[in-house]
Amino acid sequence: MLASQVKKAAAERRAEKAKNICAVTTGEVDLDKYAEVDGNWREIGLAAPARRALIDDGLFSLSDLRKTSLAALKELHGMGPNAIRVLVAEMKKADLTFRK
């Protein structure tokens, strides 16, 4: 009886995991649309999820980051600690500041 419960729980976890597949991997996201406008973010070395998050938020260049706060950037889905670190460094190089 215990073995059947474990198998059932494992099957439920696999089914739940299958539902949580990323929209990018299922082909629901048009990556070509992003490729047309993410050139500035590619140049500074941001990962694809961070680039998509910035573009979805209407931020296409470093100067656009002046419109938003660092806290708001950190809340974007796809913005990890490395992306934040890269953006902060690039903002300092360009002598730009985030919105307070």
N, C-alpha and C. Protein backbone atom coordinates (compact mmCIF):
# COMPACT_ATOMS: atom_id res chain seq x y z
N MET A 1 0.83 -1.20 0.00
CA MET A 1 0.00 0.00 0.00
C MET A 1 0.87 1.26 0.00
N LEU A 2 1.91 1.28 0.79
CA LEU A 2 2.78 2.44 0.86
C LEU A 2 3.45 2.70 -0.49
N ALA A 3 3.88 1.65 -1.16
CA ALA A 3 4.53 1.80 -2.46
C ALA A 3 3.59 2.43 -3.47
N SER A 4 2.34 2.06 -3.44
CA SER A 4 1.38 2.63 -4.39
C SER A 4 1.14 4.12 -4.10
N GLN A 5 1.17 4.50 -2.83
CA GLN A 5 1.00 5.91 -2.48
C GLN A 5 2.20 6.73 -2.96
N VAL A 6 3.39 6.15 -2.82
CA VAL A 6 4.60 6.84 -3.26
C VAL A 6 4.57 7.01 -4.78
N LYS A 7 4.18 5.98 -5.49
CA LYS A 7 4.10 6.05 -6.95
C LYS A 7 3.07 7.08 -7.39
N LYS A 8 1.94 7.13 -6.69
CA LYS A 8 0.89 8.09 -7.03
C LYS A 8 1.38 9.51 -6.80
N ALA A 9 2.07 9.73 -5.67
CA ALA A 9 2.59 11.06 -5.36
C ALA A 9 3.63 11.48 -6.41
N ALA A 10 4.48 10.55 -6.82
CA ALA A 10 5.49 10.85 -7.84
C ALA A 10 4.84 11.20 -9.17
N ALA A 11 3.80 10.48 -9.51
CA ALA A 11 3.08 10.76 -10.76
C ALA A 11 2.43 12.13 -10.71
N GLU A 12 1.89 12.49 -9.56
CA GLU A 12 1.27 13.82 -9.41
C GLU A 12 2.32 14.92 -9.53
N ARG A 13 3.52 14.69 -8.94
CA ARG A 13 4.59 15.69 -9.05
C ARG A 13 5.04 15.85 -10.50
N ARG A 14 5.15 14.74 -11.22
CA ARG A 14 5.53 14.82 -12.64
C ARG A 14 4.48 15.57 -13.45
N ALA A 15 3.21 15.32 -13.16
CA ALA A 15 2.13 16.00 -13.88
C ALA A 15 2.16 17.50 -13.58
N GLU A 16 2.41 17.86 -12.33
CA GLU A 16 2.47 19.27 -11.94
C GLU A 16 3.68 19.94 -12.61
N LYS A 17 4.79 19.24 -12.64
CA LYS A 17 5.99 19.79 -13.27
C LYS A 17 5.76 20.00 -14.76
N ALA A 18 5.06 19.10 -15.39
CA ALA A 18 4.77 19.22 -16.83
C ALA A 18 3.91 20.44 -17.11
N LYS A 19 3.03 20.81 -16.19
CA LYS A 19 2.18 21.98 -16.38
C LYS A 19 2.98 23.27 -16.28
N ASN A 20 4.09 23.25 -15.55
CA ASN A 20 4.87 24.46 -15.29
C ASN A 20 5.98 24.68 -16.31
N ILE A 21 5.88 24.09 -17.48
CA ILE A 21 6.91 24.27 -18.49
C ILE A 21 6.88 25.72 -18.98
N CYS A 22 8.04 26.27 -19.16
CA CYS A 22 8.21 27.66 -19.56
C CYS A 22 7.56 27.93 -20.92
N ALA A 23 7.00 29.10 -21.07
CA ALA A 23 6.35 29.48 -22.32
C ALA A 23 7.35 29.53 -23.48
N VAL A 24 8.61 29.80 -23.17
CA VAL A 24 9.63 29.85 -24.22
C VAL A 24 9.86 28.45 -24.78
N THR A 25 9.96 27.45 -23.90
CA THR A 25 10.23 26.10 -24.37
C THR A 25 9.03 25.48 -25.07
N THR A 26 7.84 25.93 -24.79
CA THR A 26 6.66 25.40 -25.47
C THR A 26 6.40 26.12 -26.79
N GLY A 27 7.18 27.16 -27.08
CA GLY A 27 7.03 27.88 -28.34
C GLY A 27 5.95 28.93 -28.32
N GLU A 28 5.46 29.29 -27.15
CA GLU A 28 4.39 30.28 -27.04
C GLU A 28 4.93 31.71 -27.18
N VAL A 29 6.23 31.88 -27.04
CA VAL A 29 6.84 33.21 -27.10
C VAL A 29 7.55 33.35 -28.45
N ASP A 30 7.29 34.45 -29.12
CA ASP A 30 7.93 34.72 -30.40
C ASP A 30 9.30 35.35 -30.15
N LEU A 31 10.34 34.53 -30.19
CA LEU A 31 11.69 35.00 -29.88
C LEU A 31 12.22 35.96 -30.94
N ASP A 32 11.73 35.87 -32.16
CA ASP A 32 12.16 36.79 -33.22
C ASP A 32 11.77 38.23 -32.89
N LYS A 33 10.63 38.39 -32.24
CA LYS A 33 10.18 39.73 -31.86
C LYS A 33 11.19 40.37 -30.90
N TYR A 34 11.72 39.57 -29.99
CA TYR A 34 12.70 40.09 -29.04
C TYR A 34 14.05 40.35 -29.71
N ALA A 35 14.41 39.49 -30.65
CA ALA A 35 15.71 39.61 -31.31
C ALA A 35 15.84 40.93 -32.06
N GLU A 36 14.72 41.47 -32.50
CA GLU A 36 14.75 42.73 -33.24
C GLU A 36 15.12 43.91 -32.36
N VAL A 37 14.85 43.83 -31.05
CA VAL A 37 15.02 45.01 -30.20
C VAL A 37 15.96 44.81 -29.01
N ASP A 38 16.56 43.64 -28.86
CA ASP A 38 17.39 43.42 -27.67
C ASP A 38 18.88 43.59 -27.91
N GLY A 39 19.25 44.24 -29.00
CA GLY A 39 20.66 44.42 -29.34
C GLY A 39 21.47 45.12 -28.26
N ASN A 40 20.91 46.18 -27.68
CA ASN A 40 21.63 46.91 -26.63
C ASN A 40 21.90 46.02 -25.42
N TRP A 41 20.94 45.20 -25.08
CA TRP A 41 21.10 44.32 -23.91
C TRP A 41 22.05 43.17 -24.21
N ARG A 42 22.07 42.71 -25.45
CA ARG A 42 23.03 41.65 -25.84
C ARG A 42 24.46 42.16 -25.73
N GLU A 43 24.67 43.40 -26.15
CA GLU A 43 26.01 43.99 -26.14
C GLU A 43 26.63 44.01 -24.76
N ILE A 44 25.82 44.22 -23.74
CA ILE A 44 26.38 44.29 -22.39
C ILE A 44 26.40 42.92 -21.71
N GLY A 45 25.89 41.89 -22.38
CA GLY A 45 26.02 40.53 -21.88
C GLY A 45 24.91 40.04 -20.98
N LEU A 46 23.72 40.57 -21.12
CA LEU A 46 22.59 40.09 -20.30
C LEU A 46 22.06 38.76 -20.84
N ALA A 47 21.62 37.92 -19.94
CA ALA A 47 21.02 36.64 -20.32
C ALA A 47 19.64 36.88 -20.93
N ALA A 48 19.16 35.91 -21.69
CA ALA A 48 17.90 36.06 -22.42
C ALA A 48 16.70 36.35 -21.52
N PRO A 49 16.53 35.68 -20.37
CA PRO A 49 15.37 36.02 -19.54
C PRO A 49 15.38 37.47 -19.06
N ALA A 50 16.56 37.98 -18.73
CA ALA A 50 16.66 39.37 -18.30
C ALA A 50 16.36 40.32 -19.44
N ARG A 51 16.87 40.00 -20.63
CA ARG A 51 16.58 40.84 -21.81
C ARG A 51 15.09 40.89 -22.09
N ARG A 52 14.43 39.73 -22.05
CA ARG A 52 12.98 39.70 -22.30
C ARG A 52 12.22 40.47 -21.24
N ALA A 53 12.65 40.38 -19.99
CA ALA A 53 11.98 41.11 -18.91
C ALA A 53 12.08 42.61 -19.12
N LEU A 54 13.25 43.08 -19.51
CA LEU A 54 13.43 44.51 -19.75
C LEU A 54 12.59 44.99 -20.92
N ILE A 55 12.59 44.23 -21.99
CA ILE A 55 11.83 44.61 -23.18
C ILE A 55 10.34 44.60 -22.89
N ASP A 56 9.87 43.59 -22.16
CA ASP A 56 8.45 43.53 -21.80
C ASP A 56 8.04 44.72 -20.94
N ASP A 57 9.00 45.27 -20.19
CA ASP A 57 8.72 46.43 -19.33
C ASP A 57 8.94 47.75 -20.08
N GLY A 58 9.27 47.67 -21.36
CA GLY A 58 9.43 48.89 -22.16
C GLY A 58 10.79 49.55 -22.02
N LEU A 59 11.79 48.81 -21.59
CA LEU A 59 13.13 49.34 -21.39
C LEU A 59 14.04 48.77 -22.47
N PHE A 60 14.47 49.61 -23.39
CA PHE A 60 15.22 49.16 -24.56
C PHE A 60 16.69 49.58 -24.57
N SER A 61 17.07 50.50 -23.68
CA SER A 61 18.46 50.95 -23.62
C SER A 61 18.81 51.36 -22.20
N LEU A 62 20.09 51.60 -21.95
CA LEU A 62 20.52 52.02 -20.61
C LEU A 62 19.85 53.31 -20.18
N SER A 63 19.69 54.23 -21.10
CA SER A 63 19.07 55.51 -20.73
C SER A 63 17.62 55.33 -20.30
N ASP A 64 16.97 54.27 -20.80
CA ASP A 64 15.59 54.00 -20.38
C ASP A 64 15.52 53.56 -18.92
N LEU A 65 16.62 53.03 -18.39
CA LEU A 65 16.63 52.57 -17.00
C LEU A 65 16.50 53.72 -16.01
N ARG A 66 16.74 54.95 -16.47
CA ARG A 66 16.56 56.12 -15.59
C ARG A 66 15.11 56.29 -15.18
N LYS A 67 14.19 55.70 -15.96
CA LYS A 67 12.75 55.83 -15.70
C LYS A 67 12.28 54.93 -14.58
N THR A 68 13.09 53.97 -14.16
CA THR A 68 12.66 52.98 -13.18
C THR A 68 13.63 52.91 -12.01
N SER A 69 13.16 52.37 -10.91
CA SER A 69 14.02 52.23 -9.73
C SER A 69 14.70 50.87 -9.74
N LEU A 70 15.76 50.76 -8.99
CA LEU A 70 16.47 49.50 -8.87
C LEU A 70 15.57 48.44 -8.23
N ALA A 71 14.77 48.85 -7.26
CA ALA A 71 13.85 47.91 -6.60
C ALA A 71 12.83 47.36 -7.58
N ALA A 72 12.33 48.21 -8.48
CA ALA A 72 11.36 47.75 -9.47
C ALA A 72 12.01 46.78 -10.45
N LEU A 73 13.26 47.02 -10.79
CA LEU A 73 13.98 46.10 -11.68
C LEU A 73 14.13 44.73 -11.04
N LYS A 74 14.46 44.72 -9.76
CA LYS A 74 14.67 43.46 -9.05
C LYS A 74 13.40 42.63 -9.00
N GLU A 75 12.25 43.26 -9.10
CA GLU A 75 10.97 42.55 -9.02
C GLU A 75 10.57 41.93 -10.36
N LEU A 76 11.21 42.32 -11.45
CA LEU A 76 10.85 41.78 -12.75
C LEU A 76 11.19 40.29 -12.83
N HIS A 77 10.28 39.52 -13.36
CA HIS A 77 10.51 38.09 -13.55
C HIS A 77 11.57 37.90 -14.62
N GLY A 78 12.65 37.24 -14.27
CA GLY A 78 13.75 37.03 -15.19
C GLY A 78 15.00 37.80 -14.82
N MET A 79 14.87 38.74 -13.89
CA MET A 79 16.02 39.53 -13.47
C MET A 79 16.67 38.86 -12.27
N GLY A 80 17.80 38.25 -12.52
CA GLY A 80 18.54 37.60 -11.45
C GLY A 80 19.63 38.51 -10.90
N PRO A 81 20.36 38.03 -9.90
CA PRO A 81 21.40 38.85 -9.29
C PRO A 81 22.52 39.22 -10.26
N ASN A 82 22.85 38.34 -11.17
CA ASN A 82 23.90 38.66 -12.13
C ASN A 82 23.45 39.76 -13.08
N ALA A 83 22.22 39.71 -13.54
CA ALA A 83 21.70 40.76 -14.43
C ALA A 83 21.68 42.11 -13.72
N ILE A 84 21.29 42.11 -12.47
CA ILE A 84 21.27 43.36 -11.69
C ILE A 84 22.68 43.90 -11.56
N ARG A 85 23.63 43.02 -11.26
CA ARG A 85 25.02 43.42 -11.12
C ARG A 85 25.55 44.04 -12.43
N VAL A 86 25.25 43.42 -13.54
CA VAL A 86 25.69 43.92 -14.85
C VAL A 86 25.06 45.28 -15.12
N LEU A 87 23.77 45.42 -14.88
CA LEU A 87 23.09 46.69 -15.15
C LEU A 87 23.61 47.82 -14.27
N VAL A 88 23.83 47.53 -12.99
CA VAL A 88 24.36 48.57 -12.09
C VAL A 88 25.75 49.02 -12.56
N ALA A 89 26.59 48.07 -12.95
CA ALA A 89 27.93 48.41 -13.42
C ALA A 89 27.87 49.24 -14.70
N GLU A 90 27.00 48.87 -15.61
CA GLU A 90 26.87 49.61 -16.86
C GLU A 90 26.31 51.01 -16.63
N MET A 91 25.38 51.13 -15.69
CA MET A 91 24.83 52.45 -15.36
C MET A 91 25.92 53.35 -14.79
N LYS A 92 26.79 52.79 -13.94
CA LYS A 92 27.88 53.58 -13.38
C LYS A 92 28.85 54.02 -14.47
N LYS A 93 29.16 53.12 -15.40
CA LYS A 93 30.06 53.47 -16.51
C LYS A 93 29.50 54.62 -17.34
N ALA A 94 28.20 54.59 -17.56
CA ALA A 94 27.54 55.62 -18.37
C ALA A 94 27.18 56.86 -17.57
N ASP A 95 27.52 56.85 -16.26
CA ASP A 95 27.22 57.97 -15.37
C ASP A 95 25.70 58.26 -15.34
N LEU A 96 24.91 57.21 -15.24
CA LEU A 96 23.46 57.32 -15.14
C LEU A 96 23.02 56.78 -13.78
N THR A 97 21.86 57.23 -13.32
CA THR A 97 21.33 56.75 -12.04
C THR A 97 19.91 56.25 -12.21
N PHE A 98 19.54 55.32 -11.36
CA PHE A 98 18.18 54.83 -11.34
C PHE A 98 17.26 55.84 -10.67
N ARG A 99 16.00 55.76 -10.95
CA ARG A 99 15.00 56.60 -10.31
C ARG A 99 14.92 56.23 -8.84
N LYS A 100 14.70 57.18 -8.01
CA LYS A 100 14.61 56.93 -6.56
C LYS A 100 13.27 56.44 -6.15
